C-alpha atoms as a PDB file:
ATOM      1  CA  MET A   1      66.445 -27.861  26.063  1.00  0.00           C
ATOM      2  CA  ASN A   2      64.885 -30.442  28.168  1.00  0.00           C
ATOM      3  CA  SER A   3      64.964 -34.246  27.640  1.00  0.00           C
ATOM      4  CA  LYS A   4      61.262 -34.578  26.843  1.00  0.00           C
ATOM      5  CA  PHE A   5      61.675 -32.068  23.992  1.00  0.00           C
ATOM      6  CA  ILE A   6      64.587 -33.959  22.610  1.00  0.00           C
ATOM      7  CA  LYS A   7      62.668 -37.296  22.784  1.00  0.00           C
ATOM      8  CA  LYS A   8      59.794 -35.740  20.922  1.00  0.00           C
ATOM      9  CA  ILE A   9      62.118 -34.405  18.127  1.00  0.00           C
ATOM     10  CA  LEU A  10      63.736 -37.730  17.923  1.00  0.00           C
ATOM     11  CA  ILE A  11      60.402 -39.622  17.686  1.00  0.00           C
ATOM     12  CA  ILE A  12      59.150 -37.116  14.977  1.00  0.00           C
ATOM     13  CA  ASN A  13      62.313 -37.605  12.860  1.00  0.00           C
ATOM     14  CA  ILE A  14      62.136 -41.445  13.205  1.00  0.00           C
ATOM     15  CA  VAL A  15      58.356 -41.301  12.076  1.00  0.00           C
ATOM     16  CA  ILE A  16      59.274 -39.062   9.142  1.00  0.00           C
ATOM     17  CA  LEU A  17      62.059 -41.472   8.098  1.00  0.00           C
ATOM     18  CA  ILE A  18      59.679 -44.497   8.306  1.00  0.00           C
ATOM     19  CA  ILE A  19      57.153 -42.685   6.227  1.00  0.00           C
ATOM     20  CA  ILE A  20      59.833 -41.729   3.587  1.00  0.00           C
ATOM     21  CA  TYR A  21      61.066 -45.324   3.597  1.00  0.00           C
ATOM     22  CA  LEU A  22      57.583 -46.879   3.201  1.00  0.00           C
ATOM     23  CA  SER A  23      56.501 -44.325   0.679  1.00  0.00           C
ATOM     24  CA  PHE A  24      59.488 -45.227  -1.589  1.00  0.00           C
ATOM     25  CA  ASP A  25      59.327 -48.881  -0.789  1.00  0.00           C
ATOM     26  CA  ILE A  26      55.605 -49.096  -1.689  1.00  0.00           C
ATOM     27  CA  TYR A  27      56.061 -46.868  -4.926  1.00  0.00           C
ATOM     28  CA  PHE A  28      59.012 -49.035  -6.057  1.00  0.00           C
ATOM     29  CA  PHE A  29      57.111 -52.307  -5.444  1.00  0.00           C
ATOM     30  CA  ILE A  30      54.060 -51.124  -7.291  1.00  0.00           C
ATOM     31  CA  TYR A  31      56.036 -49.497 -10.189  1.00  0.00           C
ATOM     32  CA  MET A  32      58.116 -52.814 -10.664  1.00  0.00           C
ATOM     33  CA  SER A  33      55.200 -55.170 -10.301  1.00  0.00           C
ATOM     34  CA  LYS A  34      53.257 -53.171 -12.964  1.00  0.00           C
ATOM     35  CA  LYS A  35      56.470 -52.971 -15.207  1.00  0.00           C
ATOM     36  CA  GLU A  36      57.257 -56.681 -14.996  1.00  0.00           C
ATOM     37  CA  ASN A  37      53.492 -57.665 -15.000  1.00  0.00           C
ATOM     38  CA  MET A  38      54.025 -60.373 -12.370  1.00  0.00           C
ATOM     39  CA  LEU A  39      51.176 -60.069  -9.991  1.00  0.00           C
ATOM     40  CA  LEU A  40      49.619 -63.460 -10.317  1.00  0.00           C
ATOM     41  CA  ASN A  41      46.498 -63.216 -12.557  1.00  0.00           C
ATOM     42  CA  ASN A  42      45.870 -59.694 -11.085  1.00  0.00           C
ATOM     43  CA  THR A  43      43.802 -61.556  -8.370  1.00  0.00           C
ATOM     44  CA  ILE A  44      45.105 -59.449  -5.512  1.00  0.00           C
ATOM     45  CA  SER A  45      45.873 -55.868  -4.771  1.00  0.00           C
ATOM     46  CA  TYR A  46      49.272 -54.295  -5.011  1.00  0.00           C
ATOM     47  CA  ILE A  47      49.099 -53.193  -1.418  1.00  0.00           C
ATOM     48  CA  LYS A  48      48.118 -56.645  -0.172  1.00  0.00           C
ATOM     49  CA  ALA A  49      50.919 -58.141  -2.176  1.00  0.00           C
ATOM     50  CA  TYR A  50      53.312 -55.677  -0.763  1.00  0.00           C
ATOM     51  CA  ILE A  51      52.353 -56.236   2.772  1.00  0.00           C
ATOM     52  CA  SER A  52      52.775 -60.016   2.267  1.00  0.00           C
ATOM     53  CA  ARG A  53      56.487 -59.400   1.669  1.00  0.00           C
ATOM     54  CA  TYR A  54      56.981 -58.537   5.315  1.00  0.00           C
ATOM     55  CA  ASN A  55      55.479 -61.916   6.336  1.00  0.00           C
ATOM     56  CA  LEU A  56      58.157 -63.640   8.294  1.00  0.00           C
ATOM     57  CA  ASN A  57      57.111 -67.012   6.837  1.00  0.00           C
ATOM     58  CA  TYR A  58      58.683 -66.259   3.462  1.00  0.00           C
ATOM     59  CA  LYS A  59      58.919 -69.996   2.624  1.00  0.00           C
ATOM     60  CA  SER A  60      55.113 -70.081   2.372  1.00  0.00           C
ATOM     61  CA  ALA A  61      55.355 -67.725  -0.665  1.00  0.00           C
ATOM     62  CA  PHE A  62      57.347 -70.341  -2.510  1.00  0.00           C
ATOM     63  CA  GLU A  63      54.782 -72.848  -1.761  1.00  0.00           C
ATOM     64  CA  ARG A  64      51.999 -70.647  -3.134  1.00  0.00           C
ATOM     65  CA  LYS A  65      53.825 -69.404  -6.232  1.00  0.00           C
ATOM     66  CA  TYR A  66      55.978 -72.298  -7.343  1.00  0.00           C
ATOM     67  CA  ILE A  67      54.073 -75.376  -6.272  1.00  0.00           C
ATOM     68  CA  THR A  68      50.374 -74.667  -6.190  1.00  0.00           C
ATOM     69  CA  ARG A  69      50.412 -73.220  -9.681  1.00  0.00           C
ATOM     70  CA  ILE A  70      49.701 -76.779 -10.754  1.00  0.00           C
ATOM     71  CA  GLN A  71      46.143 -76.071  -9.578  1.00  0.00           C
ATOM     72  CA  GLN A  72      45.721 -72.769 -11.256  1.00  0.00           C
ATOM     73  CA  LYS A  73      43.953 -71.800 -14.467  1.00  0.00           C
ATOM     74  CA  LYS A  74      43.781 -73.826 -17.579  1.00  0.00           C
ATOM     75  CA  GLU A  75      46.644 -72.147 -19.617  1.00  0.00           C
ATOM     76  CA  VAL A  76      49.012 -72.421 -16.494  1.00  0.00           C
ATOM     77  CA  GLN A  77      48.149 -76.156 -16.130  1.00  0.00           C
ATOM     78  CA  GLU A  78      48.812 -76.746 -19.962  1.00  0.00           C
ATOM     79  CA  ARG A  79      52.183 -75.035 -19.620  1.00  0.00           C
ATOM     80  CA  PHE A  80      53.022 -77.209 -16.571  1.00  0.00           C
ATOM     81  CA  LEU A  81      52.317 -80.467 -18.319  1.00  0.00           C
ATOM     82  CA  THR A  82      52.294 -81.083 -22.116  1.00  0.00           C
ATOM     83  CA  ASN A  83      51.150 -84.360 -23.696  1.00  0.00           C
ATOM     84  CA  ALA A  84      49.673 -85.692 -20.528  1.00  0.00           C
ATOM     85  CA  ASN A  85      48.196 -88.801 -22.209  1.00  0.00           C
ATOM     86  CA  SER A  86      51.427 -90.138 -23.420  1.00  0.00           C
ATOM     87  CA  LYS A  87      52.386 -93.517 -21.893  1.00  0.00           C
ATOM     88  CA  PHE A  88      56.145 -92.915 -22.452  1.00  0.00           C
ATOM     89  CA  SER A  89      58.590 -91.914 -19.701  1.00  0.00           C
ATOM     90  CA  PRO A  90      58.273 -88.153 -18.983  1.00  0.00           C
ATOM     91  CA  ILE A  91      60.784 -85.367 -19.331  1.00  0.00           C
ATOM     92  CA  VAL A  92      61.214 -82.642 -16.704  1.00  0.00           C
ATOM     93  CA  LEU A  93      62.335 -79.289 -17.809  1.00  0.00           C
ATOM     94  CA  LEU A  94      64.048 -76.705 -15.374  1.00  0.00           C
ATOM     95  CA  GLY A  95      65.200 -73.139 -15.745  1.00  0.00           C
ATOM     96  CA  CYS A  96      64.004 -69.570 -16.144  1.00  0.00           C
ATOM     97  CA  SER A  97      62.106 -67.661 -18.857  1.00  0.00           C
ATOM     98  CA  TYR A  98      64.182 -69.305 -21.553  1.00  0.00           C
ATOM     99  CA  ALA A  99      62.890 -72.774 -20.591  1.00  0.00           C
ATOM    100  CA  TYR A 100      59.380 -71.517 -19.697  1.00  0.00           C
ATOM    101  CA  GLY A 101      58.964 -70.010 -23.120  1.00  0.00           C
ATOM    102  CA  GLN A 102      58.312 -66.287 -22.385  1.00  0.00           C
ATOM    103  CA  HIS A 103      56.238 -64.647 -25.154  1.00  0.00           C
ATOM    104  CA  LEU A 104      55.733 -68.009 -26.819  1.00  0.00           C
ATOM    105  CA  THR A 105      52.691 -70.369 -26.974  1.00  0.00           C
ATOM    106  CA  ASN A 106      53.066 -73.765 -25.178  1.00  0.00           C
ATOM    107  CA  GLN A 107      53.574 -75.567 -28.527  1.00  0.00           C
ATOM    108  CA  GLU A 108      56.297 -72.966 -29.683  1.00  0.00           C
ATOM    109  CA  ALA A 109      58.292 -73.209 -26.383  1.00  0.00           C
ATOM    110  CA  PHE A 110      61.074 -75.827 -25.721  1.00  0.00           C
ATOM    111  CA  SER A 111      58.584 -77.850 -23.615  1.00  0.00           C
ATOM    112  CA  GLY A 112      56.070 -78.071 -26.429  1.00  0.00           C
ATOM    113  CA  GLN A 113      58.822 -78.894 -29.056  1.00  0.00           C
ATOM    114  CA  LEU A 114      60.160 -81.598 -26.812  1.00  0.00           C
ATOM    115  CA  ALA A 115      56.708 -83.161 -26.389  1.00  0.00           C
ATOM    116  CA  THR A 116      56.041 -83.028 -30.098  1.00  0.00           C
ATOM    117  CA  ASN A 117      59.395 -84.458 -31.112  1.00  0.00           C
ATOM    118  CA  THR A 118      59.429 -87.237 -28.552  1.00  0.00           C
ATOM    119  CA  ASP A 119      55.720 -87.999 -27.949  1.00  0.00           C
ATOM    120  CA  ARG A 120      56.556 -87.868 -24.261  1.00  0.00           C
ATOM    121  CA  PRO A 121      54.847 -86.097 -21.407  1.00  0.00           C
ATOM    122  CA  VAL A 122      56.856 -82.845 -20.555  1.00  0.00           C
ATOM    123  CA  TYR A 123      56.588 -81.082 -17.169  1.00  0.00           C
ATOM    124  CA  ASN A 124      57.705 -77.621 -17.468  1.00  0.00           C
ATOM    125  CA  LEU A 125      58.780 -76.514 -13.983  1.00  0.00           C
ATOM    126  CA  ALA A 126      60.646 -73.476 -15.206  1.00  0.00           C
ATOM    127  CA  PHE A 127      59.559 -69.938 -14.208  1.00  0.00           C
ATOM    128  CA  ILE A 128      60.028 -66.400 -15.522  1.00  0.00           C
ATOM    129  CA  GLY A 129      62.746 -64.677 -13.666  1.00  0.00           C
ATOM    130  CA  ALA A 130      63.681 -67.842 -11.698  1.00  0.00           C
ATOM    131  CA  GLY A 131      67.190 -68.890 -10.494  1.00  0.00           C
ATOM    132  CA  ILE A 132      68.754 -72.114  -9.471  1.00  0.00           C
ATOM    133  CA  GLN A 133      67.197 -71.654  -5.990  1.00  0.00           C
ATOM    134  CA  HIS A 134      63.836 -72.256  -7.459  1.00  0.00           C
ATOM    135  CA  ILE A 135      65.062 -75.507  -8.864  1.00  0.00           C
ATOM    136  CA  ILE A 136      66.341 -76.828  -5.561  1.00  0.00           C
ATOM    137  CA  TYR A 137      63.114 -75.785  -3.819  1.00  0.00           C
ATOM    138  CA  ILE A 138      60.793 -77.487  -6.387  1.00  0.00           C
ATOM    139  CA  LEU A 139      62.836 -80.743  -6.583  1.00  0.00           C
ATOM    140  CA  SER A 140      62.891 -80.994  -2.672  1.00  0.00           C
ATOM    141  CA  ASN A 141      59.070 -80.515  -2.442  1.00  0.00           C
ATOM    142  CA  GLU A 142      57.226 -83.772  -1.767  1.00  0.00           C
ATOM    143  CA  LYS A 143      54.219 -82.685  -3.881  1.00  0.00           C
ATOM    144  CA  ILE A 144      56.382 -82.488  -7.017  1.00  0.00           C
ATOM    145  CA  LYS A 145      58.048 -85.752  -6.176  1.00  0.00           C
ATOM    146  CA  ASN A 146      54.746 -87.522  -5.899  1.00  0.00           C
ATOM    147  CA  LYS A 147      53.203 -85.807  -8.940  1.00  0.00           C
ATOM    148  CA  ILE A 148      55.895 -86.771 -11.401  1.00  0.00           C
ATOM    149  CA  LYS A 149      56.605 -90.472 -11.903  1.00  0.00           C
ATOM    150  CA  ASN A 150      59.999 -91.707 -13.071  1.00  0.00           C
ATOM    151  CA  PRO A 151      61.158 -89.240 -15.711  1.00  0.00           C
ATOM    152  CA  GLU A 152      63.886 -90.414 -18.027  1.00  0.00           C
ATOM    153  CA  TYR A 153      65.556 -87.022 -18.230  1.00  0.00           C
ATOM    154  CA  VAL A 154      65.595 -83.869 -16.196  1.00  0.00           C
ATOM    155  CA  ILE A 155      66.847 -81.084 -18.435  1.00  0.00           C
ATOM    156  CA  TYR A 156      68.110 -77.831 -17.050  1.00  0.00           C
ATOM    157  CA  VAL A 157      68.386 -74.970 -19.590  1.00  0.00           C
ATOM    158  CA  PHE A 158      71.331 -72.821 -18.166  1.00  0.00           C
ATOM    159  CA  ILE A 159      72.170 -69.229 -19.023  1.00  0.00           C
ATOM    160  CA  SER A 160      74.998 -67.165 -17.566  1.00  0.00           C
ATOM    161  CA  ASP A 161      72.776 -64.872 -15.482  1.00  0.00           C
ATOM    162  CA  HIS A 162      71.700 -67.751 -13.259  1.00  0.00           C
ATOM    163  CA  VAL A 163      75.133 -67.293 -11.534  1.00  0.00           C
ATOM    164  CA  ASN A 164      74.316 -63.673 -10.755  1.00  0.00           C
ATOM    165  CA  ARG A 165      70.888 -64.765  -9.359  1.00  0.00           C
ATOM    166  CA  LEU A 166      72.602 -66.752  -6.654  1.00  0.00           C
ATOM    167  CA  TYR A 167      73.417 -63.464  -5.062  1.00  0.00           C
ATOM    168  CA  THR A 168      70.616 -61.062  -6.355  1.00  0.00           C
ATOM    169  CA  GLY A 169      67.381 -61.638  -8.321  1.00  0.00           C
ATOM    170  CA  CYS A 170      67.148 -60.797 -12.059  1.00  0.00           C
ATOM    171  CA  GLY A 171      64.342 -58.322 -11.345  1.00  0.00           C
ATOM    172  CA  TYR A 172      62.064 -57.096  -8.631  1.00  0.00           C
ATOM    173  CA  SER A 173      58.305 -57.764  -8.273  1.00  0.00           C
ATOM    174  CA  VAL A 174      56.517 -60.630  -6.689  1.00  0.00           C
ATOM    175  CA  ILE A 175      59.145 -63.126  -7.591  1.00  0.00           C
ATOM    176  CA  ASP A 176      60.836 -64.645  -4.483  1.00  0.00           C
ATOM    177  CA  TYR A 177      64.239 -66.112  -4.053  1.00  0.00           C
ATOM    178  CA  LEU A 178      65.556 -68.475  -1.428  1.00  0.00           C
ATOM    179  CA  TYR A 179      69.286 -67.582  -1.109  1.00  0.00           C
ATOM    180  CA  TYR A 180      71.722 -70.254  -0.010  1.00  0.00           C
ATOM    181  CA  LYS A 181      75.103 -70.052   1.639  1.00  0.00           C
ATOM    182  CA  ILE A 182      77.811 -72.697   2.388  1.00  0.00           C
ATOM    183  CA  GLN A 183      77.977 -73.597   5.992  1.00  0.00           C
ATOM    184  CA  LYS A 184      80.341 -76.385   7.177  1.00  0.00           C
ATOM    185  CA  LYS A 185      80.798 -77.412   3.500  1.00  0.00           C
ATOM    186  CA  GLU A 186      77.021 -77.901   3.068  1.00  0.00           C
ATOM    187  CA  LEU A 187      74.461 -75.686   1.186  1.00  0.00           C
ATOM    188  CA  VAL A 188      71.914 -74.325   3.596  1.00  0.00           C
ATOM    189  CA  ILE A 189      69.280 -71.553   3.277  1.00  0.00           C
ATOM    190  CA  ASN A 190      70.468 -68.145   4.334  1.00  0.00           C
ATOM    191  CA  GLU A 191      67.285 -67.173   6.076  1.00  0.00           C
ATOM    192  CA  LEU A 192      68.035 -63.535   7.045  1.00  0.00           C
ATOM    193  CA  TYR A 193      69.304 -62.681   3.636  1.00  0.00           C
ATOM    194  CA  SER A 194      66.268 -64.412   1.936  1.00  0.00           C
ATOM    195  CA  TYR A 195      63.967 -62.446   4.014  1.00  0.00           C
ATOM    196  CA  ILE A 196      65.665 -59.097   3.589  1.00  0.00           C
ATOM    197  CA  MET A 197      65.847 -59.547  -0.165  1.00  0.00           C
ATOM    198  CA  ARG A 198      62.073 -59.685  -0.446  1.00  0.00           C
ATOM    199  CA  LEU A 199      61.933 -56.009   0.344  1.00  0.00           C
ATOM    200  CA  PRO A 200      62.351 -53.384  -2.473  1.00  0.00           C
ATOM    201  CA  ILE A 201      65.059 -51.097  -1.058  1.00  0.00           C
ATOM    202  CA  PRO A 202      67.321 -53.916   0.091  1.00  0.00           C
ATOM    203  CA  PHE A 203      66.917 -55.504  -3.212  1.00  0.00           C
ATOM    204  CA  ILE A 204      68.118 -52.297  -5.072  1.00  0.00           C
ATOM    205  CA  ILE A 205      71.014 -51.961  -2.595  1.00  0.00           C
ATOM    206  CA  SER A 206      72.042 -55.647  -3.186  1.00  0.00           C
ATOM    207  CA  GLN A 207      72.286 -55.136  -6.983  1.00  0.00           C
ATOM    208  CA  ILE A 208      74.616 -52.141  -6.460  1.00  0.00           C
ATOM    209  CA  VAL A 209      76.722 -53.981  -3.936  1.00  0.00           C
ATOM    210  CA  TYR A 210      76.964 -57.137  -6.234  1.00  0.00           C
ATOM    211  CA  GLU A 211      78.508 -55.188  -8.925  1.00  0.00           C
ATOM    212  CA  GLN A 212      81.192 -54.030  -6.586  1.00  0.00           C
ATOM    213  CA  TYR A 213      81.457 -57.577  -5.074  1.00  0.00           C
ATOM    214  CA  ASN A 214      82.328 -58.927  -8.589  1.00  0.00           C
ATOM    215  CA  LYS A 215      85.379 -56.718  -8.718  1.00  0.00           C
ATOM    216  CA  MET A 216      86.896 -58.097  -5.491  1.00  0.00           C
ATOM    217  CA  PRO A 217      89.734 -60.586  -5.588  1.00  0.00           C
ATOM    218  CA  ASN A 218      89.116 -64.283  -5.170  1.00  0.00           C
ATOM    219  CA  VAL A 219      85.399 -63.783  -6.001  1.00  0.00           C
ATOM    220  CA  GLN A 220      85.618 -66.174  -8.967  1.00  0.00           C
ATOM    221  CA  MET A 221      86.634 -69.039  -6.734  1.00  0.00           C
ATOM    222  CA  LYS A 222      83.790 -68.329  -4.261  1.00  0.00           C
ATOM    223  CA  LYS A 223      81.229 -68.113  -7.118  1.00  0.00           C
ATOM    224  CA  ASN A 224      82.501 -71.467  -8.531  1.00  0.00           C
ATOM    225  CA  ASN A 225      82.202 -73.075  -5.166  1.00  0.00           C
ATOM    226  CA  LEU A 226      78.717 -71.828  -4.493  1.00  0.00           C
ATOM    227  CA  LEU A 227      77.538 -72.768  -8.023  1.00  0.00           C
ATOM    228  CA  GLU A 228      79.063 -76.242  -7.769  1.00  0.00           C
ATOM    229  CA  LYS A 229      77.357 -76.858  -4.434  1.00  0.00           C
ATOM    230  CA  HIS A 230      73.943 -75.820  -6.069  1.00  0.00           C
ATOM    231  CA  MET A 231      74.452 -78.324  -8.897  1.00  0.00           C
ATOM    232  CA  TYR A 232      75.372 -81.095  -6.510  1.00  0.00           C
ATOM    233  CA  LYS A 233      72.220 -80.384  -4.475  1.00  0.00           C
ATOM    234  CA  ILE A 234      70.081 -80.519  -7.604  1.00  0.00           C
ATOM    235  CA  ASN A 235      71.631 -83.744  -8.569  1.00  0.00           C
ATOM    236  CA  ASP A 236      71.138 -85.239  -5.215  1.00  0.00           C
ATOM    237  CA  TYR A 237      67.471 -84.418  -5.235  1.00  0.00           C
ATOM    238  CA  ILE A 238      67.028 -85.944  -8.665  1.00  0.00           C
ATOM    239  CA  LYS A 239      68.622 -89.046  -7.483  1.00  0.00           C
ATOM    240  CA  ARG A 240      66.564 -89.148  -4.324  1.00  0.00           C
ATOM    241  CA  ASN A 241      63.248 -88.506  -6.210  1.00  0.00           C
ATOM    242  CA  TRP A 242      63.889 -90.781  -9.214  1.00  0.00           C
ATOM    243  CA  LYS A 243      66.654 -93.315  -9.060  1.00  0.00           C
ATOM    244  CA  ASP A 244      67.462 -93.846 -12.770  1.00  0.00           C
ATOM    245  CA  THR A 245      66.759 -90.417 -14.074  1.00  0.00           C
ATOM    246  CA  LYS A 246      69.505 -88.657 -16.121  1.00  0.00           C
ATOM    247  CA  PHE A 247      70.377 -85.099 -15.211  1.00  0.00           C
ATOM    248  CA  VAL A 248      71.150 -83.051 -18.302  1.00  0.00           C
ATOM    249  CA  ILE A 249      72.427 -79.480 -18.253  1.00  0.00           C
ATOM    250  CA  PHE A 250      71.750 -77.782 -21.535  1.00  0.00           C
ATOM    251  CA  MET A 251      74.255 -74.818 -21.794  1.00  0.00           C
ATOM    252  CA  TYR A 252      72.220 -72.416 -23.809  1.00  0.00           C
ATOM    253  CA  GLU A 253      74.508 -69.626 -22.768  1.00  0.00           C
ATOM    254  CA  PRO A 254      78.032 -70.445 -21.239  1.00  0.00           C
ATOM    255  CA  SER A 255      79.504 -68.822 -18.329  1.00  0.00           C
ATOM    256  CA  PRO A 256      83.166 -68.912 -16.918  1.00  0.00           C
ATOM    257  CA  GLU A 257      81.848 -70.123 -13.566  1.00  0.00           C
ATOM    258  CA  MET A 258      80.071 -73.101 -15.046  1.00  0.00           C
ATOM    259  CA  ASP A 259      82.926 -73.816 -17.477  1.00  0.00           C
ATOM    260  CA  ASN A 260      85.271 -74.046 -14.352  1.00  0.00           C
ATOM    261  CA  ILE A 261      83.139 -76.738 -12.627  1.00  0.00           C
ATOM    262  CA  ILE A 262      81.962 -78.841 -15.529  1.00  0.00           C
ATOM    263  CA  PRO A 263      84.678 -81.571 -15.097  1.00  0.00           C
ATOM    264  CA  ASN A 264      83.570 -82.016 -11.544  1.00  0.00           C
ATOM    265  CA  LEU A 265      79.878 -82.233 -12.519  1.00  0.00           C
ATOM    266  CA  GLN A 266      80.674 -84.876 -15.222  1.00  0.00           C
ATOM    267  CA  LYS A 267      82.388 -86.925 -12.619  1.00  0.00           C
ATOM    268  CA  LYS A 268      79.125 -86.988 -10.610  1.00  0.00           C
ATOM    269  CA  GLY A 269      77.299 -88.421 -13.709  1.00  0.00           C
ATOM    270  CA  ILE A 270      75.773 -85.163 -14.792  1.00  0.00           C
ATOM    271  CA  TYR A 271      75.549 -84.770 -18.473  1.00  0.00           C
ATOM    272  CA  ILE A 272      76.395 -81.514 -20.329  1.00  0.00           C
ATOM    273  CA  ILE A 273      75.192 -80.468 -23.789  1.00  0.00           C
ATOM    274  CA  TYR A 274      76.390 -77.235 -25.327  1.00  0.00           C
ATOM    275  CA  LEU A 275      74.104 -75.339 -27.658  1.00  0.00           C
ATOM    276  CA  ASP A 276      77.087 -74.031 -29.740  1.00  0.00           C
ATOM    277  CA  GLU A 277      78.457 -77.482 -30.215  1.00  0.00           C
ATOM    278  CA  ILE A 278      75.216 -79.148 -31.471  1.00  0.00           C
ATOM    279  CA  LEU A 279      74.479 -76.130 -33.808  1.00  0.00           C
ATOM    280  CA  LYS A 280      77.987 -76.504 -35.119  1.00  0.00           C
ATOM    281  CA  GLU A 281      77.428 -80.262 -35.786  1.00  0.00           C
ATOM    282  CA  LYS A 282      74.634 -79.511 -38.159  1.00  0.00           C
ATOM    283  CA  ASN A 283      76.147 -76.290 -39.640  1.00  0.00           C
ATOM    284  CA  ILE A 284      73.338 -74.182 -38.119  1.00  0.00           C
ATOM    285  CA  VAL A 285      74.213 -70.548 -37.823  1.00  0.00           C
ATOM    286  CA  PHE A 286      72.929 -68.817 -34.603  1.00  0.00           C
ATOM    287  CA  ASP A 287      71.404 -65.594 -36.186  1.00  0.00           C
ATOM    288  CA  SER A 288      68.683 -63.066 -35.548  1.00  0.00           C
ATOM    289  CA  THR A 289      65.872 -65.466 -36.072  1.00  0.00           C
ATOM    290  CA  PHE A 290      66.912 -67.309 -32.890  1.00  0.00           C
ATOM    291  CA  LYS A 291      65.856 -64.201 -30.800  1.00  0.00           C
ATOM    292  CA  LEU A 292      62.440 -62.525 -30.461  1.00  0.00           C
ATOM    293  CA  PRO A 293      62.363 -58.998 -32.067  1.00  0.00           C
ATOM    294  CA  LYS A 294      63.021 -56.163 -29.675  1.00  0.00           C
ATOM    295  CA  GLU A 295      59.564 -54.745 -30.266  1.00  0.00           C
ATOM    296  CA  ILE A 296      58.153 -57.905 -28.739  1.00  0.00           C
ATOM    297  CA  ASP A 297      60.724 -58.491 -26.032  1.00  0.00           C
ATOM    298  CA  LYS A 298      63.574 -56.042 -25.191  1.00  0.00           C
ATOM    299  CA  PHE A 299      65.566 -58.930 -23.683  1.00  0.00           C
ATOM    300  CA  GLN A 300      65.213 -60.917 -26.916  1.00  0.00           C
ATOM    301  CA  HIS A 301      64.386 -64.375 -25.415  1.00  0.00           C
ATOM    302  CA  PRO A 302      64.594 -67.528 -27.683  1.00  0.00           C
ATOM    303  CA  SER A 303      62.052 -67.431 -30.495  1.00  0.00           C
ATOM    304  CA  ALA A 304      59.769 -70.149 -31.770  1.00  0.00           C
ATOM    305  CA  SER A 305      62.075 -70.578 -34.730  1.00  0.00           C
ATOM    306  CA  ALA A 306      65.069 -71.124 -32.405  1.00  0.00           C
ATOM    307  CA  TRP A 307      63.319 -74.060 -30.533  1.00  0.00           C
ATOM    308  CA  GLU A 308      62.072 -75.500 -33.765  1.00  0.00           C
ATOM    309  CA  LYS A 309      65.684 -75.723 -35.010  1.00  0.00           C
ATOM    310  CA  ILE A 310      67.346 -76.553 -31.779  1.00  0.00           C
ATOM    311  CA  THR A 311      65.127 -79.299 -30.359  1.00  0.00           C
ATOM    312  CA  PRO A 312      65.620 -81.960 -33.030  1.00  0.00           C
ATOM    313  CA  VAL A 313      69.356 -81.535 -32.824  1.00  0.00           C
ATOM    314  CA  PHE A 314      69.420 -81.477 -29.072  1.00  0.00           C
ATOM    315  CA  LEU A 315      67.420 -84.777 -29.068  1.00  0.00           C
ATOM    316  CA  GLN A 316      69.932 -86.447 -31.285  1.00  0.00           C
ATOM    317  CA  ASN A 317      72.619 -85.582 -28.880  1.00  0.00           C
ATOM    318  CA  ILE A 318      70.619 -86.642 -25.713  1.00  0.00           C
ATOM    319  CA  LYS A 319      70.191 -90.076 -27.424  1.00  0.00           C
ATOM    320  CA  LYS A 320      74.006 -90.442 -27.260  1.00  0.00           C
ATOM    321  CA  ILE A 321      73.840 -90.453 -23.435  1.00  0.00           C
ATOM    322  CA  ASP A 322      72.201 -93.942 -23.740  1.00  0.00           C
ATOM    323  CA  LEU A 323      74.982 -95.383 -25.922  1.00  0.00           C
END
């Protein structure tokens, strides 16, 4: 068997493997994008969106998806800013689909309830499927800094899955994540991992690997440290952008990792408000009405009724910050 023949066989096998990889990769991307309904306004094709994920300039995806949405269609603009004509100091809202108000109208969501109850402008910077990475990127962006003037409060609605999203995204479609690592005690973007995790097959593998990673010894300490660095970075950007703004973490859903670092966060002047505690104050029972029915949303995000009950009590507690 001569060397030329061996090379041909090798090339053919490599080509076959590439075709198999791309076939599955494209299929999975299209399947998940349709399932999660995440292609922006259906304005671009699935194939074009898929190819864009191999673009080495992955940071440009963040700019397009998480900053320029301010200039998108009317209903998106309305979600971004509620009560625009108010002359009071604004509130900035951060988080994922819980804060964004998935399946809810703008008025039903937490942002709309905050605007109604305070008569303040409310900037909703939350995104469906987002993680803490999105918050850091958004607050570091000069366009956001220049757009929003002197908010009195920046409120971050925290849920336990945000810790998992530091390592792997909550779902796969056209959502992008910038993953960070600790290098010389500082939080820096892990560029290689951020790029690789934009691709379907590596994303699937990462979720499997993360499940095993969680079982390893000393992982809890590493997760605490990484989460703490993220919270400090958010706080630093808030103080850089708006000197007198108060950073409030609203613990909608607790996690061991966040519980472990809260004393350190409070020393930095970060305020913590627990959902369980504020409901207990008013003898409000968290029941099925706080969640959307499964036929509407299988993940059962907060309902309009939940935010209607929670928001006034939350605002009573946020006023205590100023005492």
